[in-house]
C-alpha atoms as a PDB file:
ATOM      1  CA  TRP A   1     -13.085  38.305  19.099  1.00  0.00           C
ATOM      2  CA  THR A   2     -12.722  38.433  15.341  1.00  0.00           C
ATOM      3  CA  MET A   3      -9.012  37.672  15.226  1.00  0.00           C
ATOM      4  CA  THR A   4      -9.284  34.759  17.668  1.00  0.00           C
ATOM      5  CA  LEU A   5     -12.172  33.185  15.785  1.00  0.00           C
ATOM      6  CA  LEU A   6     -10.511  33.610  12.393  1.00  0.00           C
ATOM      7  CA  LEU A   7      -7.099  32.424  13.550  1.00  0.00           C
ATOM      8  CA  VAL A   8      -8.426  29.235  15.134  1.00  0.00           C
ATOM      9  CA  THR A   9     -10.789  28.373  12.273  1.00  0.00           C
ATOM     10  CA  THR A  10      -8.225  29.095   9.573  1.00  0.00           C
ATOM     11  CA  ILE A  11      -5.584  26.901  11.188  1.00  0.00           C
ATOM     12  CA  LEU A  12      -8.038  24.074  11.897  1.00  0.00           C
ATOM     13  CA  SER A  13      -9.542  24.113   8.403  1.00  0.00           C
ATOM     14  CA  PHE A  14      -6.052  24.203   6.856  1.00  0.00           C
ATOM     15  CA  ILE A  15      -4.868  21.201   8.886  1.00  0.00           C
ATOM     16  CA  ILE A  16      -8.053  19.135   8.519  1.00  0.00           C
ATOM     17  CA  GLY A  17      -8.476  19.906   4.828  1.00  0.00           C
ATOM     18  CA  ASN A  18      -4.888  19.160   3.897  1.00  0.00           C
ATOM     19  CA  LEU A  19      -4.816  15.884   5.820  1.00  0.00           C
ATOM     20  CA  LEU A  20      -8.102  14.743   4.290  1.00  0.00           C
ATOM     21  CA  GLY A  21      -6.977  15.828   0.817  1.00  0.00           C
ATOM     22  CA  ALA A  22      -3.656  14.012   1.136  1.00  0.00           C
ATOM     23  CA  ILE A  23      -5.379  10.858   2.312  1.00  0.00           C
ATOM     24  CA  ALA A  24      -7.988  11.127  -0.461  1.00  0.00           C
ATOM     25  CA  ALA A  25      -5.219  11.160  -3.096  1.00  0.00           C
ATOM     26  CA  TRP A  26      -2.939   8.554  -1.513  1.00  0.00           C
ATOM     27  CA  PRO A  27      -3.433   5.307  -3.458  1.00  0.00           C
ATOM     28  CA  ARG A  28      -2.442   3.076  -0.513  1.00  0.00           C
ATOM     29  CA  ALA A  29      -5.105   4.501   1.819  1.00  0.00           C
ATOM     30  CA  PRO A  30      -8.160   2.316   2.486  1.00  0.00           C
ATOM     31  CA  ILE A  31     -11.232   3.165   0.403  1.00  0.00           C
ATOM     32  CA  TRP A  32     -13.322   4.123   3.450  1.00  0.00           C
ATOM     33  CA  LEU A  33     -10.647   6.593   4.523  1.00  0.00           C
ATOM     34  CA  ARG A  34     -10.428   8.128   1.047  1.00  0.00           C
ATOM     35  CA  SER A  35     -14.207   8.615   0.907  1.00  0.00           C
ATOM     36  CA  ILE A  36     -14.296  10.684   4.135  1.00  0.00           C
ATOM     37  CA  ALA A  37     -13.303  13.802   2.175  1.00  0.00           C
ATOM     38  CA  THR A  38     -16.399  13.751  -0.066  1.00  0.00           C
ATOM     39  CA  PRO A  39     -18.908  15.336   2.366  1.00  0.00           C
ATOM     40  CA  PHE A  40     -16.519  18.197   3.051  1.00  0.00           C
ATOM     41  CA  ILE A  41     -16.208  18.885  -0.672  1.00  0.00           C
ATOM     42  CA  VAL A  42     -20.008  19.219  -0.849  1.00  0.00           C
ATOM     43  CA  PHE A  43     -19.922  21.968   1.800  1.00  0.00           C
ATOM     44  CA  THR A  44     -17.532  24.036  -0.335  1.00  0.00           C
ATOM     45  CA  GLY A  45     -20.419  25.342  -2.421  1.00  0.00           C
ATOM     46  CA  VAL A  46     -22.449  26.432   0.603  1.00  0.00           C
ATOM     47  CA  PRO A  47     -21.664  29.899   2.000  1.00  0.00           C
ATOM     48  CA  PRO A  48     -20.555  29.876   5.661  1.00  0.00           C
ATOM     49  CA  VAL A  49     -23.455  32.185   6.559  1.00  0.00           C
ATOM     50  CA  LEU A  50     -25.984  29.651   5.290  1.00  0.00           C
ATOM     51  CA  LEU A  51     -24.158  26.888   7.148  1.00  0.00           C
ATOM     52  CA  GLY A  52     -24.358  29.105  10.233  1.00  0.00           C
ATOM     53  CA  PHE A  53     -28.134  29.430   9.879  1.00  0.00           C
ATOM     54  CA  PHE A  54     -28.524  25.658   9.520  1.00  0.00           C
ATOM     55  CA  LEU A  55     -26.303  25.030  12.545  1.00  0.00           C
ATOM     56  CA  LEU A  56     -28.215  27.614  14.565  1.00  0.00           C
ATOM     57  CA  PHE A  57     -31.555  26.104  13.670  1.00  0.00           C
ATOM     58  CA  PHE A  58     -30.736  22.429  14.146  1.00  0.00           C
ATOM     59  CA  ILE A  59     -28.076  22.376  16.881  1.00  0.00           C
ATOM     60  CA  ALA A  60     -28.935  25.457  18.948  1.00  0.00           C
ATOM     61  CA  PHE A  61     -32.684  25.908  18.398  1.00  0.00           C
ATOM     62  CA  GLN A  62     -34.037  22.390  17.820  1.00  0.00           C
ATOM     63  CA  LEU A  63     -31.624  20.266  19.852  1.00  0.00           C
ATOM     64  CA  LYS A  64     -30.628  23.009  22.339  1.00  0.00           C
ATOM     65  CA  LEU A  65     -27.098  21.621  22.583  1.00  0.00           C
ATOM     66  CA  LEU A  66     -25.293  24.962  22.252  1.00  0.00           C
ATOM     67  CA  PRO A  67     -26.246  28.611  22.834  1.00  0.00           C
ATOM     68  CA  LEU A  68     -28.011  30.590  20.100  1.00  0.00           C
ATOM     69  CA  GLY A  69     -25.555  33.475  19.985  1.00  0.00           C
ATOM     70  CA  GLY A  70     -23.431  36.024  21.760  1.00  0.00           C
ATOM     71  CA  ALA A  71     -19.903  35.742  23.063  1.00  0.00           C
ATOM     72  CA  TYR A  72     -20.895  34.495  26.518  1.00  0.00           C
ATOM     73  CA  THR A  73     -24.040  34.087  28.615  1.00  0.00           C
ATOM     74  CA  VAL A  74     -25.962  37.311  29.148  1.00  0.00           C
ATOM     75  CA  GLY A  75     -25.509  38.718  32.650  1.00  0.00           C
ATOM     76  CA  GLN A  76     -22.286  36.888  33.333  1.00  0.00           C
ATOM     77  CA  VAL A  77     -19.340  39.002  34.447  1.00  0.00           C
ATOM     78  CA  PRO A  78     -16.270  38.370  32.246  1.00  0.00           C
ATOM     79  CA  ASN A  79     -13.549  36.738  34.298  1.00  0.00           C
ATOM     80  CA  TRP A  80     -10.771  35.327  32.105  1.00  0.00           C
ATOM     81  CA  SER A  81      -9.172  33.468  35.019  1.00  0.00           C
ATOM     82  CA  SER A  82     -12.332  31.463  35.729  1.00  0.00           C
ATOM     83  CA  PRO A  83     -12.519  28.047  34.011  1.00  0.00           C
ATOM     84  CA  ALA A  84     -16.332  28.243  34.055  1.00  0.00           C
ATOM     85  CA  PHE A  85     -16.278  31.528  32.125  1.00  0.00           C
ATOM     86  CA  LEU A  86     -13.716  30.184  29.635  1.00  0.00           C
ATOM     87  CA  TRP A  87     -15.863  27.098  29.037  1.00  0.00           C
ATOM     88  CA  ASP A  88     -18.879  29.342  28.471  1.00  0.00           C
ATOM     89  CA  VAL A  89     -16.938  31.371  25.883  1.00  0.00           C
ATOM     90  CA  VAL A  90     -15.809  28.189  24.123  1.00  0.00           C
ATOM     91  CA  ARG A  91     -19.399  26.879  23.994  1.00  0.00           C
ATOM     92  CA  HIS A  92     -20.533  30.140  22.388  1.00  0.00           C
ATOM     93  CA  GLN A  93     -17.739  29.977  19.790  1.00  0.00           C
ATOM     94  CA  ILE A  94     -18.294  26.389  18.635  1.00  0.00           C
ATOM     95  CA  LEU A  95     -21.106  27.071  16.143  1.00  0.00           C
ATOM     96  CA  PRO A  96     -19.487  30.080  14.416  1.00  0.00           C
ATOM     97  CA  ALA A  97     -16.197  28.201  14.222  1.00  0.00           C
ATOM     98  CA  LEU A  98     -17.923  25.108  12.839  1.00  0.00           C
ATOM     99  CA  ALA A  99     -19.681  27.180  10.163  1.00  0.00           C
ATOM    100  CA  LEU A 100     -16.392  28.718   9.046  1.00  0.00           C
ATOM    101  CA  ILE A 101     -14.499  25.419   9.150  1.00  0.00           C
ATOM    102  CA  LEU A 102     -17.138  23.479   7.211  1.00  0.00           C
ATOM    103  CA  GLY A 103     -17.247  26.239   4.614  1.00  0.00           C
ATOM    104  CA  SER A 104     -13.520  26.201   3.933  1.00  0.00           C
ATOM    105  CA  VAL A 105     -12.282  22.638   4.527  1.00  0.00           C
ATOM    106  CA  GLY A 106     -13.578  21.414   1.166  1.00  0.00           C
ATOM    107  CA  GLY A 107     -11.448  23.878  -0.764  1.00  0.00           C
ATOM    108  CA  TRP A 108      -8.340  22.686   1.040  1.00  0.00           C
ATOM    109  CA  VAL A 109      -9.326  19.057   0.407  1.00  0.00           C
ATOM    110  CA  LEU A 110      -9.724  19.658  -3.327  1.00  0.00           C
ATOM    111  CA  SER A 111      -6.489  21.566  -3.774  1.00  0.00           C
ATOM    112  CA  MET A 112      -4.454  19.143  -1.657  1.00  0.00           C
ATOM    113  CA  ARG A 113      -5.933  16.172  -3.493  1.00  0.00           C
ATOM    114  CA  GLY A 114      -4.905  17.769  -6.778  1.00  0.00           C
ATOM    115  CA  MET A 115      -1.389  18.355  -5.519  1.00  0.00           C
ATOM    116  CA  GLY A 116      -1.223  14.795  -4.198  1.00  0.00           C
ATOM    117  CA  VAL A 117      -2.257  13.300  -7.529  1.00  0.00           C
ATOM    118  CA  THR A 118       0.375  15.423  -9.259  1.00  0.00           C
ATOM    119  CA  ILE A 119       3.134  14.358  -6.865  1.00  0.00           C
ATOM    120  CA  GLN A 120       2.372  10.628  -7.148  1.00  0.00           C
ATOM    121  CA  GLY A 121       4.138  10.376 -10.492  1.00  0.00           C
ATOM    122  CA  GLU A 122       7.219  12.350  -9.486  1.00  0.00           C
ATOM    123  CA  ASP A 123      10.624  10.670  -9.657  1.00  0.00           C
ATOM    124  CA  TYR A 124      11.474  11.136  -5.972  1.00  0.00           C
ATOM    125  CA  VAL A 125       8.285   9.332  -4.894  1.00  0.00           C
ATOM    126  CA  ASN A 126       8.947   6.462  -7.322  1.00  0.00           C
ATOM    127  CA  PHE A 127      12.568   6.303  -6.136  1.00  0.00           C
ATOM    128  CA  ALA A 128      11.445   6.112  -2.498  1.00  0.00           C
ATOM    129  CA  GLU A 129       9.069   3.264  -3.359  1.00  0.00           C
ATOM    130  CA  HIS A 130      11.764   1.353  -5.252  1.00  0.00           C
ATOM    131  CA  LYS A 131      14.191   1.917  -2.396  1.00  0.00           C
ATOM    132  CA  GLY A 132      11.822  -0.101  -0.218  1.00  0.00           C
ATOM    133  CA  LEU A 133      10.765   2.615   2.212  1.00  0.00           C
ATOM    134  CA  GLY A 134       7.565   2.047   4.181  1.00  0.00           C
ATOM    135  CA  GLY A 135       4.271   3.586   3.158  1.00  0.00           C
ATOM    136  CA  THR A 136       4.122   5.873   6.196  1.00  0.00           C
ATOM    137  CA  THR A 137       7.615   7.242   5.541  1.00  0.00           C
ATOM    138  CA  ILE A 138       6.880   7.873   1.881  1.00  0.00           C
ATOM    139  CA  PHE A 139       3.559   9.533   2.732  1.00  0.00           C
ATOM    140  CA  ARG A 140       5.012  11.789   5.420  1.00  0.00           C
ATOM    141  CA  ASP A 141       8.481  12.629   4.108  1.00  0.00           C
ATOM    142  CA  TYR A 142       8.102  12.601   0.336  1.00  0.00           C
ATOM    143  CA  TYR A 143       4.440  13.001  -0.461  1.00  0.00           C
ATOM    144  CA  LEU A 144       2.944  15.267   2.210  1.00  0.00           C
ATOM    145  CA  ARG A 145       5.885  17.651   2.609  1.00  0.00           C
ATOM    146  CA  ASN A 146       6.122  18.437  -1.090  1.00  0.00           C
ATOM    147  CA  ALA A 147       2.358  18.714  -1.586  1.00  0.00           C
ATOM    148  CA  LEU A 148       2.106  21.197   1.306  1.00  0.00           C
ATOM    149  CA  LEU A 149       4.440  23.771  -0.254  1.00  0.00           C
ATOM    150  CA  PRO A 150       1.849  25.345  -2.609  1.00  0.00           C
ATOM    151  CA  GLN A 151      -0.814  24.984   0.073  1.00  0.00           C
ATOM    152  CA  VAL A 152       1.058  27.352   2.385  1.00  0.00           C
ATOM    153  CA  THR A 153       0.982  29.968  -0.361  1.00  0.00           C
ATOM    154  CA  GLY A 154      -2.731  29.303  -0.764  1.00  0.00           C
ATOM    155  CA  LEU A 155      -3.186  29.854   2.963  1.00  0.00           C
ATOM    156  CA  ALA A 156      -1.837  33.386   2.681  1.00  0.00           C
ATOM    157  CA  LEU A 157      -4.078  34.086  -0.314  1.00  0.00           C
ATOM    158  CA  ALA A 158      -7.163  32.636   1.401  1.00  0.00           C
ATOM    159  CA  LEU A 159      -6.977  35.044   4.344  1.00  0.00           C
ATOM    160  CA  GLY A 160      -8.971  37.685   2.421  1.00  0.00           C
ATOM    161  CA  SER A 161     -11.997  35.458   1.866  1.00  0.00           C
ATOM    162  CA  VAL A 162     -11.763  34.079   5.407  1.00  0.00           C
ATOM    163  CA  ILE A 163     -11.934  37.588   6.861  1.00  0.00           C
ATOM    164  CA  THR A 164     -14.985  38.449   4.754  1.00  0.00           C
ATOM    165  CA  ALA A 165     -16.802  35.244   5.677  1.00  0.00           C
ATOM    166  CA  GLY A 166     -15.814  35.623   9.337  1.00  0.00           C
ATOM    167  CA  VAL A 167     -17.214  39.137   9.590  1.00  0.00           C
ATOM    168  CA  VAL A 168     -20.559  38.037   8.120  1.00  0.00           C
ATOM    169  CA  VAL A 169     -20.736  34.917  10.319  1.00  0.00           C
ATOM    170  CA  GLU A 170     -19.977  37.060  13.381  1.00  0.00           C
ATOM    171  CA  GLY A 171     -22.973  39.209  12.567  1.00  0.00           C
ATOM    172  CA  THR A 172     -25.134  36.110  12.209  1.00  0.00           C
ATOM    173  CA  PHE A 173     -24.169  34.774  15.642  1.00  0.00           C
ATOM    174  CA  GLY A 174     -24.184  38.144  17.398  1.00  0.00           C
ATOM    175  CA  LEU A 175     -20.528  38.110  18.385  1.00  0.00           C
ATOM    176  CA  PRO A 176     -19.011  41.398  19.603  1.00  0.00           C
ATOM    177  CA  GLY A 177     -16.293  41.588  16.948  1.00  0.00           C
ATOM    178  CA  ILE A 178     -15.883  43.523  13.734  1.00  0.00           C
ATOM    179  CA  GLY A 179     -18.949  41.811  12.249  1.00  0.00           C
ATOM    180  CA  GLY A 180     -21.154  42.900  15.147  1.00  0.00           C
ATOM    181  CA  LEU A 181     -19.798  46.430  14.933  1.00  0.00           C
ATOM    182  CA  LEU A 182     -20.468  46.510  11.189  1.00  0.00           C
ATOM    183  CA  ASN A 183     -24.056  45.285  11.661  1.00  0.00           C
ATOM    184  CA  GLU A 184     -24.714  47.950  14.313  1.00  0.00           C
ATOM    185  CA  ALA A 185     -23.329  50.658  12.026  1.00  0.00           C
ATOM    186  CA  ILE A 186     -25.522  49.510   9.137  1.00  0.00           C
ATOM    187  CA  ARG A 187     -28.652  49.463  11.321  1.00  0.00           C
ATOM    188  CA  ALA A 188     -27.852  52.996  12.559  1.00  0.00           C
ATOM    189  CA  ASN A 189     -27.220  54.271   8.986  1.00  0.00           C
ATOM    190  CA  ASP A 190     -23.681  55.167  10.039  1.00  0.00           C
ATOM    191  CA  PHE A 191     -21.928  54.851   6.689  1.00  0.00           C
ATOM    192  CA  ILE A 192     -19.145  57.364   7.268  1.00  0.00           C
END
């Protein structure tokens, strides 16, 4: 449970954050598109556990749109070949995944925006503009590719904080992963 949740949320937050950060730094992007990244940057300062509590309270408790916790509905027999069971598992994973994604996308947006601003003045980007290439080609081939190189290194370094946050969020949502196991051990005073 832990590895699936962390793998999906890490990849999604990396992709979303880098795309939003690249667009936020690209001078040819429309102003409304560049301002989309701002709310995600605000969430960077909020711990994923606190985001999880807010999501639980508003989406699961008040609006009753998603389940309050657990990996799947209580009393249901796990059957991985059943589409109904798979949909139930996905519904139970949405809130923990959303808490982890919202907590980490802003960091990717900020770092990618910084890389994008740095790359704008590089000679190869200016050369591509003077050569008459289209904005989409310059953005994709010259701008985004070169700005992503340090981000991939940052992805490997960020795995430590993602694992810590994921374990705590798992405990908050009552998922049967490492976080749930850790919470049970703490409650039972099993520190060895």
